[in-house]
Amino acid sequence: MNLTLKRTDTNDNDFKNLVILLDADLAVRNGDLHAIYTPHNILDHLDTVIIAYNDDLPAGCGCFKKFDVHTVEIKRMFVKPEQRGKGIAFKVLAQLELWAKEKGYLHTVLETGQTNPEALGLYRKNGYKVIDNYGPYIGLKSSICLRKTL
């Protein structure tokens, strides 16, 4: 495995293509609930995207956006199914946290679903703690919100 990470933005074609795969995966996982989550996953232009390349091919991604003055929200974490189990998501997440810290943020928050136990495991292994659901996820029983101090 030859893994490289690239800092880029939401206009990057590799990111756009990975997000198409992510949305297809979420549609299967979330079933009828997918329509509820879709509006919360639309991103304005962000310049805080990480793309992981394995042997120069896009393998995974993630990004963050400002949540409040001290906190960013991790969004659009995804690794292609054939690339899973190689530590790619861990490396993307670590790079996002490092970048947020470089920008002066103190915390991260994120939302994942009960239908995504792999993601929940990744976040818990990396020090994320379950918190009360925030913002658009309040009242959604299938959502799990987490937080970490950087």
N, C-alpha and C. Protein backbone atom coordinates (compact mmCIF):
# COMPACT_ATOMS: atom_id res chain seq x y z
N MET A 1 0.85 -1.18 0.00
CA MET A 1 0.00 0.00 0.00
C MET A 1 0.89 1.24 0.00
N ASN A 2 0.59 2.15 -0.90
CA ASN A 2 1.31 3.42 -0.99
C ASN A 2 0.29 4.53 -0.80
N LEU A 3 0.11 4.96 0.46
CA LEU A 3 -0.94 5.92 0.80
C LEU A 3 -0.39 7.34 0.84
N THR A 4 -1.10 8.25 0.15
CA THR A 4 -0.79 9.67 0.24
C THR A 4 -2.09 10.40 0.56
N LEU A 5 -1.96 11.53 1.23
CA LEU A 5 -3.11 12.36 1.60
C LEU A 5 -2.95 13.73 0.96
N LYS A 6 -4.04 14.25 0.43
CA LYS A 6 -4.01 15.55 -0.24
C LYS A 6 -5.03 16.47 0.41
N ARG A 7 -4.61 17.68 0.74
CA ARG A 7 -5.52 18.73 1.18
C ARG A 7 -6.04 19.44 -0.06
N THR A 8 -7.36 19.60 -0.12
CA THR A 8 -7.97 20.20 -1.30
C THR A 8 -9.29 20.85 -0.91
N ASP A 9 -10.20 20.99 -1.86
CA ASP A 9 -11.49 21.61 -1.57
C ASP A 9 -12.62 20.81 -2.22
N THR A 10 -13.83 21.25 -2.00
CA THR A 10 -15.01 20.51 -2.46
C THR A 10 -15.18 20.55 -3.97
N ASN A 11 -14.40 21.35 -4.68
CA ASN A 11 -14.47 21.37 -6.14
C ASN A 11 -13.61 20.29 -6.78
N ASP A 12 -12.82 19.60 -5.99
CA ASP A 12 -11.94 18.55 -6.49
C ASP A 12 -12.78 17.41 -7.08
N ASN A 13 -12.50 17.04 -8.33
CA ASN A 13 -13.28 15.98 -8.98
C ASN A 13 -13.18 14.64 -8.28
N ASP A 14 -12.03 14.31 -7.72
CA ASP A 14 -11.91 13.04 -6.99
C ASP A 14 -12.82 13.06 -5.76
N PHE A 15 -12.88 14.19 -5.08
CA PHE A 15 -13.79 14.31 -3.93
C PHE A 15 -15.24 14.15 -4.38
N LYS A 16 -15.61 14.84 -5.45
CA LYS A 16 -16.98 14.75 -5.95
C LYS A 16 -17.35 13.30 -6.29
N ASN A 17 -16.44 12.57 -6.91
CA ASN A 17 -16.71 11.18 -7.27
C ASN A 17 -16.81 10.27 -6.05
N LEU A 18 -15.98 10.51 -5.05
CA LEU A 18 -16.06 9.73 -3.81
C LEU A 18 -17.38 10.01 -3.09
N VAL A 19 -17.83 11.25 -3.10
CA VAL A 19 -19.09 11.61 -2.45
C VAL A 19 -20.28 10.94 -3.14
N ILE A 20 -20.21 10.77 -4.45
CA ILE A 20 -21.27 10.04 -5.16
C ILE A 20 -21.34 8.60 -4.63
N LEU A 21 -20.19 7.97 -4.45
CA LEU A 21 -20.15 6.61 -3.91
C LEU A 21 -20.63 6.58 -2.46
N LEU A 22 -20.24 7.60 -1.68
CA LEU A 22 -20.69 7.70 -0.29
C LEU A 22 -22.21 7.80 -0.23
N ASP A 23 -22.78 8.66 -1.03
CA ASP A 23 -24.24 8.84 -1.01
C ASP A 23 -24.97 7.56 -1.41
N ALA A 24 -24.42 6.83 -2.37
CA ALA A 24 -25.02 5.55 -2.77
C ALA A 24 -24.96 4.55 -1.62
N ASP A 25 -23.83 4.51 -0.91
CA ASP A 25 -23.68 3.62 0.24
C ASP A 25 -24.67 3.99 1.34
N LEU A 26 -24.80 5.28 1.61
CA LEU A 26 -25.73 5.73 2.65
C LEU A 26 -27.18 5.45 2.28
N ALA A 27 -27.51 5.56 1.00
CA ALA A 27 -28.88 5.27 0.56
C ALA A 27 -29.25 3.83 0.88
N VAL A 28 -28.31 2.91 0.69
CA VAL A 28 -28.55 1.50 1.01
C VAL A 28 -28.63 1.31 2.52
N ARG A 29 -27.69 1.88 3.25
CA ARG A 29 -27.66 1.72 4.71
C ARG A 29 -28.89 2.32 5.39
N ASN A 30 -29.28 3.51 4.94
CA ASN A 30 -30.33 4.26 5.63
C ASN A 30 -31.73 3.96 5.11
N GLY A 31 -31.84 3.35 3.95
CA GLY A 31 -33.15 3.00 3.42
C GLY A 31 -34.09 4.20 3.37
N ASP A 32 -35.27 4.04 3.95
CA ASP A 32 -36.29 5.09 3.92
C ASP A 32 -35.85 6.38 4.62
N LEU A 33 -34.89 6.28 5.52
CA LEU A 33 -34.43 7.47 6.25
C LEU A 33 -33.46 8.34 5.43
N HIS A 34 -33.01 7.81 4.31
CA HIS A 34 -32.00 8.53 3.53
C HIS A 34 -32.46 9.93 3.15
N ALA A 35 -33.70 10.08 2.79
CA ALA A 35 -34.22 11.39 2.38
C ALA A 35 -34.16 12.41 3.51
N ILE A 36 -34.25 11.95 4.75
CA ILE A 36 -34.17 12.85 5.90
C ILE A 36 -32.75 13.40 6.06
N TYR A 37 -31.75 12.55 5.79
CA TYR A 37 -30.36 12.95 6.00
C TYR A 37 -29.78 13.75 4.84
N THR A 38 -30.27 13.54 3.63
CA THR A 38 -29.67 14.14 2.45
C THR A 38 -29.46 15.65 2.56
N PRO A 39 -30.44 16.44 3.02
CA PRO A 39 -30.22 17.90 3.08
C PRO A 39 -29.08 18.30 4.02
N HIS A 40 -28.77 17.47 5.01
CA HIS A 40 -27.71 17.80 5.97
C HIS A 40 -26.32 17.49 5.43
N ASN A 41 -26.27 16.81 4.29
CA ASN A 41 -24.99 16.42 3.71
C ASN A 41 -24.59 17.28 2.52
N ILE A 42 -25.41 18.27 2.18
CA ILE A 42 -25.07 19.19 1.10
C ILE A 42 -24.10 20.23 1.67
N LEU A 43 -22.96 20.36 1.01
CA LEU A 43 -21.92 21.26 1.51
C LEU A 43 -21.77 22.47 0.60
N ASP A 44 -21.63 23.63 1.21
CA ASP A 44 -21.20 24.80 0.46
C ASP A 44 -19.73 24.59 0.15
N HIS A 45 -19.15 25.50 -0.58
CA HIS A 45 -17.73 25.37 -0.90
C HIS A 45 -16.91 25.34 0.39
N LEU A 46 -16.11 24.29 0.53
CA LEU A 46 -15.20 24.16 1.67
C LEU A 46 -13.78 23.96 1.15
N ASP A 47 -12.82 24.55 1.82
CA ASP A 47 -11.42 24.36 1.45
C ASP A 47 -10.70 23.47 2.46
N THR A 48 -11.46 22.60 3.11
CA THR A 48 -10.91 21.74 4.16
C THR A 48 -11.26 20.27 3.88
N VAL A 49 -10.87 19.80 2.71
CA VAL A 49 -11.11 18.43 2.27
C VAL A 49 -9.80 17.66 2.26
N ILE A 50 -9.85 16.41 2.71
CA ILE A 50 -8.72 15.50 2.60
C ILE A 50 -9.13 14.36 1.68
N ILE A 51 -8.29 14.04 0.72
CA ILE A 51 -8.49 12.85 -0.11
C ILE A 51 -7.30 11.94 0.11
N ALA A 52 -7.61 10.65 0.36
CA ALA A 52 -6.57 9.63 0.50
C ALA A 52 -6.43 8.92 -0.84
N TYR A 53 -5.19 8.75 -1.26
CA TYR A 53 -4.89 8.02 -2.49
C TYR A 53 -4.07 6.79 -2.12
N ASN A 54 -4.48 5.64 -2.62
CA ASN A 54 -3.72 4.42 -2.47
C ASN A 54 -3.20 4.05 -3.84
N ASP A 55 -1.88 4.01 -3.98
CA ASP A 55 -1.24 3.78 -5.29
C ASP A 55 -1.78 4.76 -6.33
N ASP A 56 -1.90 6.01 -5.94
CA ASP A 56 -2.32 7.13 -6.80
C ASP A 56 -3.78 7.08 -7.23
N LEU A 57 -4.58 6.17 -6.66
CA LEU A 57 -6.00 6.11 -6.97
C LEU A 57 -6.80 6.58 -5.77
N PRO A 58 -7.85 7.40 -5.97
CA PRO A 58 -8.64 7.89 -4.84
C PRO A 58 -9.26 6.73 -4.07
N ALA A 59 -9.01 6.71 -2.77
CA ALA A 59 -9.47 5.59 -1.93
C ALA A 59 -10.45 6.04 -0.85
N GLY A 60 -10.36 7.29 -0.41
CA GLY A 60 -11.23 7.76 0.66
C GLY A 60 -11.15 9.26 0.81
N CYS A 61 -12.04 9.79 1.65
CA CYS A 61 -12.08 11.24 1.83
C CYS A 61 -12.75 11.61 3.15
N GLY A 62 -12.69 12.88 3.44
CA GLY A 62 -13.38 13.49 4.57
C GLY A 62 -13.16 14.98 4.50
N CYS A 63 -13.94 15.73 5.26
CA CYS A 63 -13.76 17.18 5.29
C CYS A 63 -14.31 17.70 6.62
N PHE A 64 -14.14 18.99 6.84
CA PHE A 64 -14.77 19.60 8.00
C PHE A 64 -15.25 20.99 7.66
N LYS A 65 -16.22 21.45 8.46
CA LYS A 65 -16.73 22.80 8.32
C LYS A 65 -16.87 23.40 9.72
N LYS A 66 -16.87 24.71 9.76
CA LYS A 66 -17.01 25.41 11.04
C LYS A 66 -18.37 25.08 11.65
N PHE A 67 -18.36 24.73 12.92
CA PHE A 67 -19.58 24.45 13.68
C PHE A 67 -19.89 25.62 14.61
N ASP A 68 -18.88 26.05 15.34
CA ASP A 68 -18.95 27.27 16.14
C ASP A 68 -17.53 27.82 16.29
N VAL A 69 -17.36 28.84 17.07
CA VAL A 69 -16.07 29.53 17.14
C VAL A 69 -14.92 28.60 17.55
N HIS A 70 -15.20 27.55 18.33
CA HIS A 70 -14.15 26.65 18.82
C HIS A 70 -14.22 25.25 18.23
N THR A 71 -15.20 24.98 17.38
CA THR A 71 -15.50 23.60 16.99
C THR A 71 -15.72 23.49 15.48
N VAL A 72 -15.25 22.36 14.92
CA VAL A 72 -15.57 22.02 13.53
C VAL A 72 -16.40 20.75 13.53
N GLU A 73 -17.16 20.58 12.45
CA GLU A 73 -17.94 19.37 12.26
C GLU A 73 -17.29 18.54 11.15
N ILE A 74 -16.96 17.30 11.46
CA ILE A 74 -16.41 16.37 10.49
C ILE A 74 -17.55 15.89 9.59
N LYS A 75 -17.34 15.92 8.29
CA LYS A 75 -18.36 15.56 7.32
C LYS A 75 -17.76 14.65 6.24
N ARG A 76 -18.63 13.94 5.54
CA ARG A 76 -18.35 13.20 4.32
C ARG A 76 -17.17 12.24 4.41
N MET A 77 -17.03 11.59 5.56
CA MET A 77 -16.02 10.54 5.73
C MET A 77 -16.44 9.32 4.93
N PHE A 78 -15.51 8.81 4.11
CA PHE A 78 -15.82 7.65 3.28
C PHE A 78 -14.54 6.98 2.81
N VAL A 79 -14.58 5.66 2.78
CA VAL A 79 -13.52 4.86 2.16
C VAL A 79 -14.19 3.85 1.24
N LYS A 80 -13.67 3.73 0.03
CA LYS A 80 -14.23 2.76 -0.92
C LYS A 80 -14.22 1.37 -0.29
N PRO A 81 -15.26 0.59 -0.53
CA PRO A 81 -15.35 -0.74 0.08
C PRO A 81 -14.11 -1.61 -0.12
N GLU A 82 -13.55 -1.59 -1.32
CA GLU A 82 -12.38 -2.44 -1.58
C GLU A 82 -11.10 -1.92 -0.91
N GLN A 83 -11.15 -0.72 -0.34
CA GLN A 83 -10.00 -0.13 0.34
C GLN A 83 -10.12 -0.18 1.86
N ARG A 84 -11.23 -0.69 2.36
CA ARG A 84 -11.47 -0.72 3.81
C ARG A 84 -10.58 -1.75 4.49
N GLY A 85 -10.35 -1.50 5.78
CA GLY A 85 -9.52 -2.41 6.57
C GLY A 85 -8.02 -2.14 6.44
N LYS A 86 -7.66 -1.03 5.84
CA LYS A 86 -6.25 -0.69 5.62
C LYS A 86 -5.81 0.52 6.45
N GLY A 87 -6.70 1.02 7.32
CA GLY A 87 -6.36 2.17 8.15
C GLY A 87 -6.52 3.51 7.46
N ILE A 88 -7.15 3.54 6.30
CA ILE A 88 -7.28 4.78 5.54
C ILE A 88 -8.17 5.78 6.27
N ALA A 89 -9.31 5.33 6.77
CA ALA A 89 -10.22 6.25 7.48
C ALA A 89 -9.53 6.84 8.71
N PHE A 90 -8.77 6.03 9.41
CA PHE A 90 -8.04 6.51 10.59
C PHE A 90 -7.08 7.64 10.19
N LYS A 91 -6.38 7.46 9.07
CA LYS A 91 -5.41 8.47 8.64
C LYS A 91 -6.10 9.74 8.15
N VAL A 92 -7.21 9.59 7.44
CA VAL A 92 -7.96 10.77 6.98
C VAL A 92 -8.47 11.54 8.19
N LEU A 93 -9.05 10.84 9.15
CA LEU A 93 -9.58 11.49 10.35
C LEU A 93 -8.47 12.20 11.12
N ALA A 94 -7.33 11.56 11.28
CA ALA A 94 -6.21 12.17 12.01
C ALA A 94 -5.74 13.44 11.29
N GLN A 95 -5.71 13.42 9.97
CA GLN A 95 -5.29 14.60 9.20
C GLN A 95 -6.31 15.73 9.32
N LEU A 96 -7.60 15.38 9.32
CA LEU A 96 -8.64 16.40 9.51
C LEU A 96 -8.51 17.05 10.89
N GLU A 97 -8.29 16.23 11.91
CA GLU A 97 -8.14 16.77 13.27
C GLU A 97 -6.91 17.65 13.37
N LEU A 98 -5.81 17.24 12.76
CA LEU A 98 -4.58 18.04 12.77
C LEU A 98 -4.82 19.38 12.08
N TRP A 99 -5.48 19.36 10.95
CA TRP A 99 -5.76 20.57 10.18
C TRP A 99 -6.66 21.51 10.98
N ALA A 100 -7.69 20.96 11.62
CA ALA A 100 -8.59 21.78 12.45
C ALA A 100 -7.80 22.43 13.59
N LYS A 101 -6.91 21.65 14.19
CA LYS A 101 -6.08 22.18 15.28
C LYS A 101 -5.16 23.29 14.77
N GLU A 102 -4.58 23.10 13.59
CA GLU A 102 -3.73 24.13 12.98
C GLU A 102 -4.50 25.43 12.77
N LYS A 103 -5.80 25.32 12.50
CA LYS A 103 -6.64 26.50 12.28
C LYS A 103 -7.16 27.09 13.59
N GLY A 104 -6.76 26.50 14.73
CA GLY A 104 -7.10 27.06 16.02
C GLY A 104 -8.35 26.50 16.68
N TYR A 105 -8.94 25.47 16.10
CA TYR A 105 -10.14 24.87 16.70
C TYR A 105 -9.74 23.95 17.85
N LEU A 106 -10.64 23.84 18.81
CA LEU A 106 -10.38 23.06 20.02
C LEU A 106 -11.14 21.74 20.06
N HIS A 107 -12.22 21.63 19.29
CA HIS A 107 -13.08 20.45 19.36
C HIS A 107 -13.56 20.06 17.96
N THR A 108 -13.97 18.80 17.86
CA THR A 108 -14.68 18.33 16.67
C THR A 108 -15.98 17.71 17.12
N VAL A 109 -16.99 17.79 16.26
CA VAL A 109 -18.24 17.07 16.45
C VAL A 109 -18.54 16.37 15.13
N LEU A 110 -19.40 15.39 15.20
CA LEU A 110 -19.83 14.70 14.00
C LEU A 110 -21.08 13.90 14.29
N GLU A 111 -21.72 13.48 13.21
CA GLU A 111 -22.90 12.64 13.30
C GLU A 111 -22.68 11.41 12.44
N THR A 112 -23.06 10.27 12.97
CA THR A 112 -23.11 9.04 12.18
C THR A 112 -24.40 8.33 12.53
N GLY A 113 -24.70 7.32 11.77
CA GLY A 113 -25.96 6.62 12.00
C GLY A 113 -25.77 5.27 12.65
N GLN A 114 -26.82 4.80 13.27
CA GLN A 114 -26.80 3.46 13.86
C GLN A 114 -26.58 2.39 12.80
N THR A 115 -26.85 2.73 11.54
CA THR A 115 -26.65 1.79 10.44
C THR A 115 -25.19 1.74 9.98
N ASN A 116 -24.31 2.47 10.65
CA ASN A 116 -22.91 2.53 10.26
C ASN A 116 -22.01 2.17 11.44
N PRO A 117 -22.05 0.91 11.88
CA PRO A 117 -21.26 0.52 13.06
C PRO A 117 -19.76 0.63 12.84
N GLU A 118 -19.30 0.50 11.58
CA GLU A 118 -17.86 0.63 11.32
C GLU A 118 -17.39 2.04 11.65
N ALA A 119 -18.17 3.03 11.25
CA ALA A 119 -17.80 4.42 11.53
C ALA A 119 -17.84 4.68 13.04
N LEU A 120 -18.86 4.20 13.69
CA LEU A 120 -18.97 4.39 15.13
C LEU A 120 -17.75 3.79 15.83
N GLY A 121 -17.33 2.61 15.41
CA GLY A 121 -16.14 1.98 15.99
C GLY A 121 -14.89 2.81 15.76
N LEU A 122 -14.74 3.34 14.55
CA LEU A 122 -13.59 4.20 14.24
C LEU A 122 -13.55 5.40 15.17
N TYR A 123 -14.69 6.06 15.31
CA TYR A 123 -14.72 7.29 16.11
C TYR A 123 -14.47 6.98 17.58
N ARG A 124 -15.06 5.94 18.09
CA ARG A 124 -14.84 5.58 19.51
C ARG A 124 -13.37 5.23 19.76
N LYS A 125 -12.76 4.49 18.85
CA LYS A 125 -11.33 4.14 18.99
C LYS A 125 -10.45 5.38 18.99
N ASN A 126 -10.94 6.44 18.37
CA ASN A 126 -10.17 7.67 18.25
C ASN A 126 -10.56 8.74 19.26
N GLY A 127 -11.23 8.32 20.33
CA GLY A 127 -11.47 9.23 21.43
C GLY A 127 -12.74 10.04 21.37
N TYR A 128 -13.61 9.74 20.44
CA TYR A 128 -14.89 10.46 20.36
C TYR A 128 -15.85 9.91 21.39
N LYS A 129 -16.60 10.81 22.01
CA LYS A 129 -17.60 10.45 23.03
C LYS A 129 -18.98 10.83 22.53
N VAL A 130 -19.94 9.96 22.80
CA VAL A 130 -21.32 10.23 22.40
C VAL A 130 -21.84 11.43 23.18
N ILE A 131 -22.53 12.32 22.47
CA ILE A 131 -23.14 13.51 23.07
C ILE A 131 -24.62 13.53 22.68
N ASP A 132 -25.36 14.45 23.27
CA ASP A 132 -26.74 14.65 22.85
C ASP A 132 -26.75 15.08 21.38
N ASN A 133 -27.74 14.62 20.65
CA ASN A 133 -27.85 15.02 19.25
C ASN A 133 -27.98 16.54 19.15
N TYR A 134 -27.33 17.10 18.16
CA TYR A 134 -27.33 18.54 17.97
C TYR A 134 -28.03 18.91 16.67
N GLY A 135 -28.39 20.18 16.57
CA GLY A 135 -28.92 20.77 15.34
C GLY A 135 -29.96 19.91 14.64
N PRO A 136 -29.72 19.60 13.37
CA PRO A 136 -30.73 18.89 12.58
C PRO A 136 -30.94 17.44 13.02
N TYR A 137 -30.09 16.94 13.89
CA TYR A 137 -30.19 15.54 14.31
C TYR A 137 -30.99 15.36 15.60
N ILE A 138 -31.40 16.47 16.21
CA ILE A 138 -32.23 16.38 17.43
C ILE A 138 -33.52 15.66 17.07
N GLY A 139 -33.82 14.65 17.84
CA GLY A 139 -35.05 13.90 17.63
C GLY A 139 -34.92 12.75 16.64
N LEU A 140 -33.79 12.62 15.97
CA LEU A 140 -33.58 11.50 15.05
C LEU A 140 -32.94 10.35 15.82
N LYS A 141 -33.73 9.35 16.13
CA LYS A 141 -33.25 8.23 16.94
C LYS A 141 -32.18 7.40 16.25
N SER A 142 -32.12 7.46 14.93
CA SER A 142 -31.11 6.69 14.20
C SER A 142 -29.76 7.41 14.14
N SER A 143 -29.70 8.65 14.60
CA SER A 143 -28.46 9.43 14.60
C SER A 143 -27.72 9.28 15.91
N ILE A 144 -26.39 9.24 15.78
CA ILE A 144 -25.50 9.24 16.94
C ILE A 144 -24.54 10.39 16.74
N CYS A 145 -24.50 11.32 17.66
CA CYS A 145 -23.61 12.46 17.59
C CYS A 145 -22.47 12.26 18.57
N LEU A 146 -21.28 12.69 18.16
CA LEU A 146 -20.08 12.49 18.96
C LEU A 146 -19.25 13.77 18.99
N ARG A 147 -18.34 13.83 19.97
CA ARG A 147 -17.49 15.01 20.15
C ARG A 147 -16.12 14.57 20.64
N LYS A 148 -15.11 15.34 20.27
CA LYS A 148 -13.75 15.09 20.73
C LYS A 148 -13.06 16.41 20.99
N THR A 149 -12.28 16.47 22.04
CA THR A 149 -11.41 17.61 22.30
C THR A 149 -10.08 17.34 21.63
N LEU A 150 -9.62 18.30 20.85
CA LEU A 150 -8.36 18.14 20.11
C LEU A 150 -7.15 18.40 20.98
